[in-house]
Amino acid sequence: MNRFFAKGFVILLIIFAFFTVASRAADSFLVAQVTVEQPSAKKIEHIVTTEGTVEKNLEIPITAEAGLLVGTVYVKEGEQVEEGSVLAQLDLEWLKEETSLLEDEIKTLRMQNEAIAHNEELAGEERQKQLARAKEDYEAAAAKSSEATERAASELSQAKEAIDRFEAGEEKNAMSASEQEEKRTQLWQDYFAKQQAYEDALSGGEESIREAQRALEDAGEEAQEDASREINELAIAQKEKQLLAYEELTQAGGMITAGQAGTVTGVFVETGQLTAETAAFTISSREGGVRLGAVIAETDAAYVERGDTVSVEKNGKTYENFSVTGISSREDGSLLLTVSAGEYTDALQIGDTVTLRVTKQSELYRTAIPLGAIHTEQNETYVYVAEERDTALGTQLFARKVKVNVLEKNDTWAALEEGALSEDDWVITDTDSYVQAGERVRLRES
């Protein structure tokens, strides 16, 4: 009997061992293995890389007065010149004729201004004469109106007095009733006529005074401002400046010279042609360092700004301490970048293609995790955290879904808004199979 129980106990142990091995085998296939990492403080680094071209820097324009005939051009593009080198010579006979024409134009403008000033003086005297006449006419109209009004008023008063005397006098007693009525009618008709004459004198006087007043105001108006003299003076100043330049060119024998040593990068004049308003030559100097041009994609535009430090790589060699000196936007959203260095590097020649790299670090974020831990679904951003839970089989790991807000990220790291995760959380950064919230997971075996 004891042997039977002993044998059964051994069989039971074998069964338990079998299920343990089977359970572990099932875990290796059914439970996802994950890699975890705890959040840490980190600065997010952005590296913007693009190709650029070495360009001419400190290109200086050499100008000449426009409209002058070029006699001879002595240089061509790519030629090295020294400060003071003769680049071209103007036709001296043409220069002489243009100088003479310019002097005549200045003389003409000055004569025009003298005529304008004389005419303005005459016009002023005429205005004063008209003003005096208008004032006399106004005073005469006022006096005439006053006189006519006073006379009409006197006649009206006399007509009223005649009525009063008739009504109060004994003259009417000697008249019959019909004679009295006829006399009375005559007197009142005369009164009304005088009253009308008085009113006409008043209104006529006011009208004549009003017309005289308007004429006086018109005569007193200031003349319309004429800017002809000012415009001529500006033209004279410009032509005198041009004349001075012609005289200096004549003294220099019509020579156009280089203002500095360097390489001729542009020749814009030809023998037998007239000089234009634009530069006659351009010269590039190496003294100010190298200038590089590059285009930054729209996706990287936010990470580059004026003043950023740039490293330049050519043929496996890196040159440091370049800086962004100019940025301009393009229609497609990209940026046109200008980069120059404080000192010139002989290894970089105009026309070379180089690699530019701008490295930008963000502020220090307290919560940063690997970018691979971030998941986005239906406008929701979240991570999975592996957390321990007590089960019937002991302490096990389960995936918990945590919503997060990404503040900034690069190709490898993401900075999160604080509060969602703590520094003790085990954030799942990688897994060998699909994981959902609430599922059991196990740490990847080394």
Protein backbone atom coordinates (compact mmCIF):
# COMPACT_ATOMS: atom_id res chain seq x y z
CA MET A 1 0.00 0.00 0.00
CA ASN A 2 2.81 2.42 0.93
CA ARG A 3 4.51 1.52 -2.30
CA PHE A 4 1.31 2.46 -4.17
CA PHE A 5 1.15 5.91 -2.55
CA ALA A 6 4.84 6.51 -3.14
CA LYS A 7 4.46 5.63 -6.77
CA GLY A 8 1.42 7.98 -7.10
CA PHE A 9 3.34 10.83 -5.48
CA VAL A 10 6.18 10.43 -7.96
CA ILE A 11 3.72 10.45 -10.85
CA LEU A 12 2.13 13.62 -9.46
CA LEU A 13 5.52 15.34 -9.27
CA ILE A 14 6.20 14.36 -12.85
CA ILE A 15 2.85 15.86 -13.91
CA PHE A 16 3.58 19.13 -12.07
CA ALA A 17 7.01 19.32 -13.66
CA PHE A 18 5.48 18.69 -17.09
CA PHE A 19 2.94 21.50 -16.71
CA THR A 20 5.62 23.86 -15.37
CA VAL A 21 7.80 23.20 -18.41
CA ALA A 22 4.75 23.47 -20.69
CA SER A 23 3.72 26.76 -19.07
CA ARG A 24 7.16 28.22 -19.53
CA ALA A 25 7.25 27.01 -23.11
CA ALA A 26 3.86 28.60 -23.72
CA ASP A 27 5.14 31.89 -22.22
CA SER A 28 8.01 31.91 -24.67
CA PHE A 29 5.54 31.77 -27.54
CA LEU A 30 2.42 33.57 -26.26
CA VAL A 31 3.72 36.32 -23.91
CA ALA A 32 5.47 39.23 -25.58
CA GLN A 33 9.06 39.90 -24.62
CA VAL A 34 9.70 43.59 -24.11
CA THR A 35 12.57 45.99 -23.61
CA VAL A 36 11.95 48.74 -21.05
CA GLU A 37 13.63 52.01 -20.15
CA GLN A 38 12.91 54.55 -17.45
CA PRO A 39 12.27 58.22 -18.36
CA SER A 40 15.23 60.55 -17.92
CA ALA A 41 16.11 64.22 -18.20
CA LYS A 42 17.49 65.05 -21.62
CA LYS A 43 17.98 67.78 -24.19
CA ILE A 44 16.54 67.00 -27.61
CA GLU A 45 19.20 67.40 -30.27
CA HIS A 46 18.29 68.26 -33.86
CA ILE A 47 20.87 67.75 -36.59
CA VAL A 48 20.07 69.35 -39.94
CA THR A 49 22.24 68.16 -42.82
CA THR A 50 22.22 69.46 -46.38
CA GLU A 51 24.51 69.95 -49.32
CA GLY A 52 25.80 73.40 -50.19
CA THR A 53 28.03 75.12 -52.70
CA VAL A 54 31.06 77.30 -51.99
CA GLU A 55 30.32 80.73 -53.45
CA LYS A 56 32.20 83.96 -53.95
CA ASN A 57 32.16 86.19 -50.89
CA LEU A 58 32.56 89.95 -50.41
CA GLU A 59 31.77 90.62 -54.04
CA ILE A 60 32.34 94.33 -54.61
CA PRO A 61 30.72 96.16 -57.52
CA ILE A 62 32.86 98.56 -59.57
CA THR A 63 30.63 101.21 -61.11
CA ALA A 64 31.01 103.92 -63.72
CA GLU A 65 28.75 106.80 -64.65
CA ALA A 66 26.03 105.59 -67.00
CA GLY A 67 25.91 106.62 -70.66
CA LEU A 68 29.66 106.84 -71.29
CA LEU A 69 31.39 105.15 -74.22
CA VAL A 70 33.81 102.33 -73.33
CA GLY A 71 37.09 102.63 -75.20
CA THR A 72 38.98 99.54 -74.01
CA VAL A 73 38.35 96.63 -71.58
CA TYR A 74 41.57 95.23 -70.09
CA VAL A 75 40.37 92.30 -67.93
CA LYS A 76 38.19 89.18 -68.18
CA GLU A 77 36.34 87.03 -65.64
CA GLY A 78 38.57 84.92 -63.39
CA GLU A 79 41.54 87.26 -63.71
CA GLN A 80 43.40 88.26 -60.54
CA VAL A 81 43.84 92.01 -60.08
CA GLU A 82 45.53 94.24 -57.54
CA GLU A 83 44.12 97.33 -55.89
CA GLY A 84 44.31 100.18 -58.41
CA SER A 85 44.57 97.91 -61.45
CA VAL A 86 43.06 99.43 -64.62
CA LEU A 87 39.95 97.47 -65.60
CA ALA A 88 38.79 99.60 -68.53
CA GLN A 89 39.27 103.01 -70.16
CA LEU A 90 36.48 105.30 -71.34
CA ASP A 91 36.53 107.23 -74.62
CA LEU A 92 37.88 110.67 -73.62
CA GLU A 93 36.32 112.54 -76.56
CA TRP A 94 32.92 111.13 -75.69
CA LEU A 95 33.51 112.01 -72.04
CA LYS A 96 34.39 115.57 -73.04
CA GLU A 97 31.21 115.95 -75.11
CA GLU A 98 29.03 114.52 -72.33
CA THR A 99 30.65 116.93 -69.85
CA SER A 100 29.84 119.87 -72.10
CA LEU A 101 26.22 118.74 -72.55
CA LEU A 102 25.86 118.34 -68.82
CA GLU A 103 27.16 121.86 -68.19
CA ASP A 104 24.61 123.21 -70.70
CA GLU A 105 21.79 121.33 -68.96
CA ILE A 106 22.77 122.81 -65.60
CA LYS A 107 22.93 126.30 -67.13
CA THR A 108 19.48 125.85 -68.70
CA LEU A 109 17.94 124.75 -65.42
CA ARG A 110 19.39 127.74 -63.62
CA MET A 111 18.02 130.10 -66.26
CA GLN A 112 14.61 128.45 -65.90
CA ASN A 113 14.70 129.05 -62.16
CA GLU A 114 15.61 132.71 -62.67
CA ALA A 115 12.64 133.10 -65.05
CA ILE A 116 10.33 131.35 -62.61
CA ALA A 117 11.47 133.65 -59.79
CA HIS A 118 10.93 136.77 -61.98
CA ASN A 119 7.45 135.61 -63.01
CA GLU A 120 6.55 134.87 -59.41
CA GLU A 121 7.60 138.41 -58.46
CA LEU A 122 5.45 139.92 -61.25
CA ALA A 123 2.53 137.72 -60.29
CA GLY A 124 2.88 138.86 -56.70
CA GLU A 125 2.77 142.52 -57.71
CA GLU A 126 -0.32 141.87 -59.87
CA ARG A 127 -2.04 140.15 -56.97
CA GLN A 128 -1.32 143.11 -54.72
CA LYS A 129 -2.76 145.49 -57.34
CA GLN A 130 -5.91 143.39 -57.72
CA LEU A 131 -6.25 143.19 -53.96
CA ALA A 132 -6.06 146.98 -53.62
CA ARG A 133 -8.68 147.45 -56.35
CA ALA A 134 -10.98 144.88 -54.82
CA LYS A 135 -10.67 146.63 -51.47
CA GLU A 136 -11.57 149.98 -53.06
CA ASP A 137 -14.57 148.40 -54.82
CA TYR A 138 -15.73 146.88 -51.57
CA GLU A 139 -15.51 150.16 -49.68
CA ALA A 140 -17.30 151.98 -52.53
CA ALA A 141 -20.08 149.38 -52.63
CA ALA A 142 -20.50 149.62 -48.86
CA ALA A 143 -20.68 153.45 -48.98
CA LYS A 144 -23.12 153.45 -51.91
CA SER A 145 -25.34 150.89 -50.23
CA SER A 146 -25.35 152.90 -47.02
CA GLU A 147 -26.21 156.13 -48.85
CA ALA A 148 -29.06 154.55 -50.84
CA THR A 149 -30.46 152.92 -47.76
CA GLU A 150 -30.35 156.14 -45.73
CA ARG A 151 -32.06 158.08 -48.57
CA ALA A 152 -34.81 155.49 -48.93
CA ALA A 153 -35.32 155.45 -45.18
CA SER A 154 -35.63 159.25 -45.12
CA GLU A 155 -38.19 159.26 -47.93
CA LEU A 156 -40.16 156.51 -46.17
CA SER A 157 -40.16 158.57 -42.97
CA GLN A 158 -41.36 161.67 -44.83
CA ALA A 159 -44.18 159.69 -46.41
CA LYS A 160 -45.34 158.56 -42.98
CA GLU A 161 -45.13 162.07 -41.61
CA ALA A 162 -47.32 163.32 -44.51
CA ILE A 163 -49.98 160.78 -43.57
CA ASP A 164 -49.79 161.80 -39.94
CA ARG A 165 -50.08 165.52 -40.79
CA PHE A 166 -53.05 164.92 -43.06
CA GLU A 167 -54.90 162.95 -40.43
CA ALA A 168 -54.17 165.55 -37.74
CA GLY A 169 -54.51 168.73 -39.86
CA GLU A 170 -57.44 170.94 -40.67
CA GLU A 171 -56.92 170.48 -44.40
CA LYS A 172 -59.17 167.47 -44.54
CA ASN A 173 -62.03 169.35 -42.80
CA ALA A 174 -62.45 171.48 -45.92
CA MET A 175 -62.76 168.34 -48.06
CA SER A 176 -65.70 166.22 -48.75
CA ALA A 177 -65.63 162.62 -47.59
CA SER A 178 -64.77 161.38 -51.08
CA GLU A 179 -61.97 163.90 -51.43
CA GLN A 180 -60.58 162.89 -48.05
CA GLU A 181 -60.61 159.23 -49.02
CA GLU A 182 -58.91 159.97 -52.33
CA LYS A 183 -56.20 162.03 -50.60
CA ARG A 184 -55.66 159.37 -47.99
CA THR A 185 -55.31 156.71 -50.67
CA GLN A 186 -52.68 158.74 -52.52
CA LEU A 187 -50.67 159.27 -49.32
CA TRP A 188 -50.69 155.56 -48.44
CA GLN A 189 -49.80 154.55 -51.97
CA ASP A 190 -46.84 156.90 -51.80
CA TYR A 191 -45.90 155.39 -48.40
CA PHE A 192 -46.02 151.82 -49.71
CA ALA A 193 -43.96 152.81 -52.73
CA LYS A 194 -41.34 154.39 -50.45
CA GLN A 195 -41.38 151.31 -48.23
CA GLN A 196 -40.74 149.06 -51.27
CA ALA A 197 -37.94 151.38 -52.37
CA TYR A 198 -36.38 151.12 -48.91
CA GLU A 199 -36.52 147.30 -48.94
CA ASP A 200 -35.05 147.24 -52.47
CA ALA A 201 -32.22 149.49 -51.31
CA LEU A 202 -31.48 147.15 -48.42
CA SER A 203 -31.40 143.96 -50.52
CA GLY A 204 -29.57 145.60 -53.41
CA GLY A 205 -26.96 146.97 -51.09
CA GLU A 206 -26.42 143.61 -49.43
CA GLU A 207 -25.99 141.91 -52.82
CA SER A 208 -23.49 144.50 -54.08
CA ILE A 209 -21.53 144.28 -50.81
CA ARG A 210 -21.54 140.46 -51.01
CA GLU A 211 -20.16 140.52 -54.55
CA ALA A 212 -17.50 143.04 -53.58
CA GLN A 213 -16.61 140.89 -50.55
CA ARG A 214 -16.16 137.80 -52.74
CA ALA A 215 -14.00 139.73 -55.18
CA LEU A 216 -11.88 140.94 -52.24
CA GLU A 217 -11.47 137.40 -50.91
CA ASP A 218 -10.55 136.06 -54.35
CA ALA A 219 -7.95 138.78 -54.77
CA GLY A 220 -6.49 137.96 -51.37
CA GLU A 221 -6.08 134.22 -52.05
CA GLU A 222 -2.51 132.95 -52.12
CA ALA A 223 -1.15 131.77 -55.45
CA GLN A 224 -1.09 128.01 -56.03
CA GLU A 225 2.18 126.48 -54.93
CA ASP A 226 4.52 125.71 -57.82
CA ALA A 227 7.25 123.15 -57.16
CA SER A 228 9.05 123.77 -60.45
CA ARG A 229 11.95 125.61 -58.84
CA GLU A 230 12.42 122.93 -56.16
CA ILE A 231 12.33 120.20 -58.80
CA ASN A 232 14.90 122.07 -60.88
CA GLU A 233 17.13 122.55 -57.84
CA LEU A 234 17.12 118.80 -57.20
CA ALA A 235 17.96 118.15 -60.85
CA ILE A 236 20.78 120.69 -60.66
CA ALA A 237 22.22 119.00 -57.56
CA GLN A 238 22.15 115.58 -59.24
CA LYS A 239 23.73 116.89 -62.43
CA GLU A 240 26.42 118.77 -60.49
CA LYS A 241 27.27 115.52 -58.74
CA GLN A 242 27.43 113.78 -62.10
CA LEU A 243 29.54 116.61 -63.49
CA LEU A 244 32.00 116.22 -60.61
CA ALA A 245 32.29 112.51 -61.41
CA TYR A 246 32.93 113.33 -65.10
CA GLU A 247 35.64 115.80 -64.12
CA GLU A 248 37.32 113.22 -61.84
CA LEU A 249 37.19 110.64 -64.65
CA THR A 250 38.73 113.15 -67.03
CA GLN A 251 41.56 113.88 -64.56
CA ALA A 252 42.11 110.10 -64.23
CA GLY A 253 42.37 109.73 -68.01
CA GLY A 254 39.01 107.94 -68.22
CA MET A 255 40.39 104.93 -66.31
CA ILE A 256 38.08 102.60 -64.32
CA THR A 257 40.21 100.97 -61.61
CA ALA A 258 39.83 98.19 -59.02
CA GLY A 259 39.10 99.38 -55.51
CA GLN A 260 40.66 96.26 -53.99
CA ALA A 261 42.70 93.21 -54.86
CA GLY A 262 40.80 90.07 -55.80
CA THR A 263 39.30 87.99 -58.59
CA VAL A 264 37.23 89.54 -61.37
CA THR A 265 33.91 87.70 -61.12
CA GLY A 266 31.88 89.78 -63.57
CA VAL A 267 32.57 91.96 -66.63
CA PHE A 268 29.47 93.86 -67.73
CA VAL A 269 30.93 96.37 -70.22
CA GLU A 270 32.12 95.96 -73.79
CA THR A 271 34.39 98.01 -75.98
CA GLY A 272 32.33 100.36 -78.11
CA GLN A 273 29.26 100.07 -75.87
CA LEU A 274 27.82 102.57 -73.37
CA THR A 275 28.08 102.04 -69.63
CA ALA A 276 24.82 101.17 -67.85
CA GLU A 277 23.22 102.06 -64.51
CA THR A 278 24.39 98.70 -63.09
CA ALA A 279 27.92 97.65 -62.09
CA ALA A 280 30.59 97.65 -64.77
CA PHE A 281 32.64 94.96 -62.97
CA THR A 282 32.42 92.80 -59.85
CA ILE A 283 35.44 91.69 -57.86
CA SER A 284 35.48 88.99 -55.19
CA SER A 285 37.98 89.08 -52.33
CA ARG A 286 39.00 86.19 -50.10
CA GLU A 287 39.79 88.39 -47.14
CA GLY A 288 36.35 87.99 -45.52
CA GLY A 289 36.19 84.19 -45.59
CA VAL A 290 34.07 81.75 -47.52
CA ARG A 291 30.40 82.06 -48.35
CA LEU A 292 28.27 78.97 -48.84
CA GLY A 293 24.77 78.68 -50.23
CA ALA A 294 22.39 75.86 -49.33
CA VAL A 295 18.69 75.00 -49.24
CA ILE A 296 17.06 73.70 -46.04
CA ALA A 297 13.91 71.59 -46.42
CA GLU A 298 10.63 72.89 -44.98
CA THR A 299 10.58 70.08 -42.38
CA ASP A 300 13.91 71.31 -40.96
CA ALA A 301 13.23 75.05 -41.28
CA ALA A 302 12.19 75.40 -37.63
CA TYR A 303 15.59 74.19 -36.43
CA VAL A 304 17.78 76.73 -38.23
CA GLU A 305 18.09 80.43 -37.49
CA ARG A 306 20.50 83.28 -38.10
CA GLY A 307 23.66 83.00 -35.99
CA ASP A 308 23.64 79.18 -35.67
CA THR A 309 27.01 77.45 -35.75
CA VAL A 310 27.64 75.27 -38.82
CA SER A 311 30.22 72.58 -39.52
CA VAL A 312 31.30 72.00 -43.11
CA GLU A 313 32.56 68.68 -44.43
CA LYS A 314 34.49 68.12 -47.64
CA ASN A 315 36.18 64.88 -48.71
CA GLY A 316 35.90 63.45 -45.19
CA LYS A 317 37.44 66.51 -43.51
CA THR A 318 35.37 68.74 -41.24
CA TYR A 319 35.79 72.51 -40.85
CA GLU A 320 34.22 74.17 -37.81
CA ASN A 321 33.09 77.64 -36.72
CA PHE A 322 31.05 78.59 -39.74
CA SER A 323 27.86 80.53 -38.99
CA VAL A 324 24.47 81.24 -40.58
CA THR A 325 24.51 84.85 -41.77
CA GLY A 326 21.41 84.98 -43.95
CA ILE A 327 18.05 83.22 -44.26
CA SER A 328 15.33 83.82 -46.85
CA SER A 329 12.08 81.92 -47.43
CA ARG A 330 11.20 80.25 -50.72
CA GLU A 331 7.76 79.64 -52.22
CA ASP A 332 7.82 75.92 -51.39
CA GLY A 333 8.41 76.61 -47.68
CA SER A 334 12.12 75.77 -47.73
CA LEU A 335 14.85 78.18 -46.68
CA LEU A 336 17.71 79.60 -48.70
CA LEU A 337 20.68 79.67 -46.36
CA THR A 338 23.82 81.81 -46.52
CA VAL A 339 26.76 80.60 -44.42
CA SER A 340 30.12 82.30 -43.95
CA ALA A 341 33.20 81.68 -41.84
CA GLY A 342 35.23 84.14 -39.86
CA GLU A 343 38.40 83.11 -41.66
CA TYR A 344 38.98 81.65 -45.07
CA THR A 345 40.01 78.01 -45.51
CA ASP A 346 42.19 77.37 -48.53
CA ALA A 347 40.75 73.87 -48.87
CA LEU A 348 37.37 75.31 -49.87
CA GLN A 349 37.37 76.64 -53.40
CA ILE A 350 34.60 78.50 -55.22
CA GLY A 351 32.29 75.95 -56.87
CA ASP A 352 33.05 73.08 -54.42
CA THR A 353 30.12 70.99 -53.16
CA VAL A 354 30.23 70.43 -49.40
CA THR A 355 28.04 69.02 -46.63
CA LEU A 356 26.70 71.48 -44.06
CA ARG A 357 25.57 70.34 -40.63
CA VAL A 358 23.67 72.47 -38.10
CA THR A 359 23.32 71.01 -34.60
CA LYS A 360 20.66 72.50 -32.35
CA GLN A 361 19.92 71.49 -28.75
CA SER A 362 16.64 72.19 -26.99
CA GLU A 363 16.11 73.15 -23.38
CA LEU A 364 16.49 70.42 -20.74
CA TYR A 365 13.32 68.33 -20.50
CA ARG A 366 12.72 66.35 -17.30
CA THR A 367 10.86 63.53 -19.03
CA ALA A 368 12.36 62.04 -22.19
CA ILE A 369 11.98 58.54 -23.63
CA PRO A 370 13.12 56.76 -26.81
CA LEU A 371 11.01 57.70 -29.83
CA GLY A 372 10.22 54.02 -30.49
CA ALA A 373 8.08 53.94 -27.34
CA ILE A 374 5.61 56.47 -28.77
CA HIS A 375 2.41 55.19 -30.40
CA THR A 376 -0.23 57.26 -32.22
CA GLU A 377 -3.71 56.07 -33.06
CA GLN A 378 -6.81 58.12 -33.97
CA ASN A 379 -5.20 61.41 -32.90
CA GLU A 380 -4.22 59.86 -29.56
CA THR A 381 -0.59 59.60 -28.47
CA TYR A 382 0.33 57.03 -25.82
CA VAL A 383 2.99 54.68 -24.46
CA TYR A 384 2.87 51.30 -22.74
CA VAL A 385 4.31 50.91 -19.25
CA ALA A 386 5.25 47.53 -17.83
CA GLU A 387 3.98 47.27 -14.23
CA GLU A 388 4.03 44.45 -11.69
CA ARG A 389 0.83 42.84 -10.46
CA ASP A 390 0.27 40.06 -7.94
CA THR A 391 -1.43 36.99 -9.47
CA ALA A 392 -2.16 33.40 -8.43
CA LEU A 393 1.07 32.44 -10.17
CA GLY A 394 3.03 35.14 -8.36
CA THR A 395 4.17 38.63 -9.37
CA GLN A 396 3.90 39.19 -13.12
CA LEU A 397 4.28 42.10 -15.57
CA PHE A 398 1.36 43.64 -17.47
CA ALA A 399 1.21 46.39 -20.10
CA ARG A 400 -0.59 49.57 -19.06
CA LYS A 401 -1.57 52.24 -21.61
CA VAL A 402 -0.64 55.84 -20.66
CA LYS A 403 -1.66 58.89 -22.70
CA VAL A 404 1.18 61.38 -23.21
CA ASN A 405 1.78 64.77 -24.84
CA VAL A 406 4.93 65.05 -26.94
CA LEU A 407 6.58 68.48 -26.58
CA GLU A 408 9.52 67.93 -28.91
CA LYS A 409 11.22 65.04 -30.66
CA ASN A 410 14.01 64.06 -33.02
CA ASP A 411 14.85 60.81 -34.80
CA THR A 412 15.59 58.91 -31.56
CA TRP A 413 14.13 60.74 -28.54
CA ALA A 414 10.86 62.38 -27.52
CA ALA A 415 10.35 64.91 -24.72
CA LEU A 416 7.02 64.56 -22.88
CA GLU A 417 4.87 66.90 -20.86
CA GLU A 418 5.50 66.26 -17.18
CA GLY A 419 2.99 64.39 -15.04
CA ALA A 420 2.00 61.44 -17.20
CA LEU A 421 5.08 59.37 -16.34
CA SER A 422 7.40 59.21 -13.35
CA GLU A 423 11.10 58.46 -13.34
CA ASP A 424 10.36 55.01 -11.85
CA ASP A 425 8.05 53.85 -14.67
CA TRP A 426 9.24 51.09 -16.97
CA VAL A 427 8.36 52.34 -20.42
CA ILE A 428 8.17 49.63 -23.08
CA THR A 429 10.50 50.73 -25.87
CA ASP A 430 10.56 47.54 -27.96
CA THR A 431 8.67 44.25 -28.19
CA ASP A 432 8.90 41.06 -30.19
CA SER A 433 5.14 40.95 -30.82
CA TYR A 434 2.04 43.12 -30.76
CA VAL A 435 1.10 44.35 -27.27
CA GLN A 436 -2.25 45.64 -26.02
CA ALA A 437 -3.20 47.30 -22.76
CA GLY A 438 -3.80 44.74 -20.00
CA GLU A 439 -1.80 41.98 -21.63
CA ARG A 440 0.91 40.13 -19.75
CA VAL A 441 4.47 40.82 -20.87
CA ARG A 442 7.90 39.64 -19.80
CA LEU A 443 11.29 41.27 -19.95
CA ARG A 444 13.43 40.35 -22.88
CA GLU A 445 16.09 37.85 -21.88
CA SER A 446 19.67 39.05 -22.40
